[in-house]
Amino acid sequence: MQITIEFHGVLERLAGAASMSLIVADGAVVADALELLTQKAPNLVDTVERSACAIGDSLVSRSDSLSHGARLALLPPVAGG
């Protein structure tokens, strides 16, 4: 099934794009998509490991299921000062 990963913050710069389409297996969970993403873009590994994930307006865990056409947003940690 096809999903879209949306990159926010520093992830957009590291990925060189605002989003990326991925084909994941039926029954895939968020962790499966992130594993595939980091295989395709190893430079994202460190930031993806610390990023929150959201679908729509809800944060999701890495064990949550994905559905065809899902738009998974990656939200990197932020710091203020």
Protein backbone atom coordinates (compact mmCIF):
# COMPACT_ATOMS: atom_id res chain seq x y z
CA MET A 1 0.00 0.00 0.00
CA GLN A 2 1.14 3.55 -0.61
CA ILE A 3 1.61 6.12 2.13
CA THR A 4 3.13 9.59 2.24
CA ILE A 5 5.69 10.72 4.79
CA GLU A 6 5.56 14.46 5.48
CA PHE A 7 8.75 16.08 6.76
CA HIS A 8 8.67 19.06 9.10
CA GLY A 9 11.40 21.25 10.55
CA VAL A 10 14.96 20.05 10.09
CA LEU A 11 13.73 16.80 8.52
CA GLU A 12 12.53 18.68 5.45
CA ARG A 13 16.01 20.11 4.95
CA LEU A 14 17.70 16.75 5.54
CA ALA A 15 15.33 14.91 3.21
CA GLY A 16 15.57 17.61 0.54
CA ALA A 17 11.79 17.53 0.11
CA ALA A 18 8.59 18.27 2.01
CA SER A 19 7.30 14.72 1.54
CA MET A 20 8.08 11.28 0.16
CA SER A 21 5.82 8.45 -1.02
CA LEU A 22 6.58 4.95 0.20
CA ILE A 23 5.15 1.55 -0.62
CA VAL A 24 4.74 -0.50 2.55
CA ALA A 25 3.31 -3.97 3.09
CA ASP A 26 -0.35 -4.43 3.90
CA GLY A 27 -0.71 -4.44 7.68
CA ALA A 28 2.37 -2.26 8.17
CA VAL A 29 2.72 -0.19 11.33
CA VAL A 30 4.41 3.19 11.77
CA ALA A 31 7.70 1.54 12.82
CA ASP A 32 7.76 -0.45 9.56
CA ALA A 33 7.41 2.74 7.51
CA LEU A 34 10.13 4.49 9.49
CA GLU A 35 12.49 1.53 9.00
CA LEU A 36 11.90 1.63 5.25
CA LEU A 37 12.36 5.42 5.24
CA THR A 38 15.71 5.26 7.03
CA GLN A 39 16.92 2.52 4.68
CA LYS A 40 16.19 4.85 1.76
CA ALA A 41 17.57 7.96 3.52
CA PRO A 42 20.19 6.92 6.14
CA ASN A 43 21.00 10.55 6.94
CA LEU A 44 17.58 10.82 8.63
CA VAL A 45 18.14 8.02 11.16
CA ASP A 46 19.18 10.10 14.19
CA THR A 47 16.44 12.69 13.82
CA VAL A 48 13.69 10.18 12.94
CA GLU A 49 14.48 8.19 16.09
CA ARG A 50 13.69 11.28 18.20
CA SER A 51 10.71 12.51 16.17
CA ALA A 52 7.04 12.35 17.08
CA CYS A 53 4.65 10.90 14.52
CA ALA A 54 1.18 12.13 13.64
CA ILE A 55 -1.62 11.19 11.30
CA GLY A 56 -4.10 14.00 10.82
CA ASP A 57 -4.43 15.90 14.09
CA SER A 58 -3.44 12.96 16.30
CA LEU A 59 -0.09 11.79 17.56
CA VAL A 60 0.42 8.09 16.90
CA SER A 61 2.73 5.49 18.37
CA ARG A 62 5.15 3.45 16.34
CA SER A 63 2.98 0.37 16.86
CA ASP A 64 -0.12 1.97 15.29
CA SER A 65 -1.36 0.51 12.01
CA LEU A 66 -1.18 2.39 8.73
CA SER A 67 -3.82 2.41 6.02
CA HIS A 68 -3.51 2.94 2.28
CA GLY A 69 -3.14 6.65 1.51
CA ALA A 70 -2.10 7.59 5.05
CA ARG A 71 -0.15 10.83 5.47
CA LEU A 72 2.35 10.26 8.28
CA ALA A 73 3.86 13.51 9.57
CA LEU A 74 7.27 13.44 11.26
CA LEU A 75 7.72 16.14 13.87
CA PRO A 76 11.34 16.54 15.00
CA PRO A 77 12.16 17.66 18.54
CA VAL A 78 12.41 21.41 19.01
CA ALA A 79 14.36 23.52 21.44
CA GLY A 80 13.80 27.04 22.57
CA GLY A 81 15.75 29.55 24.44
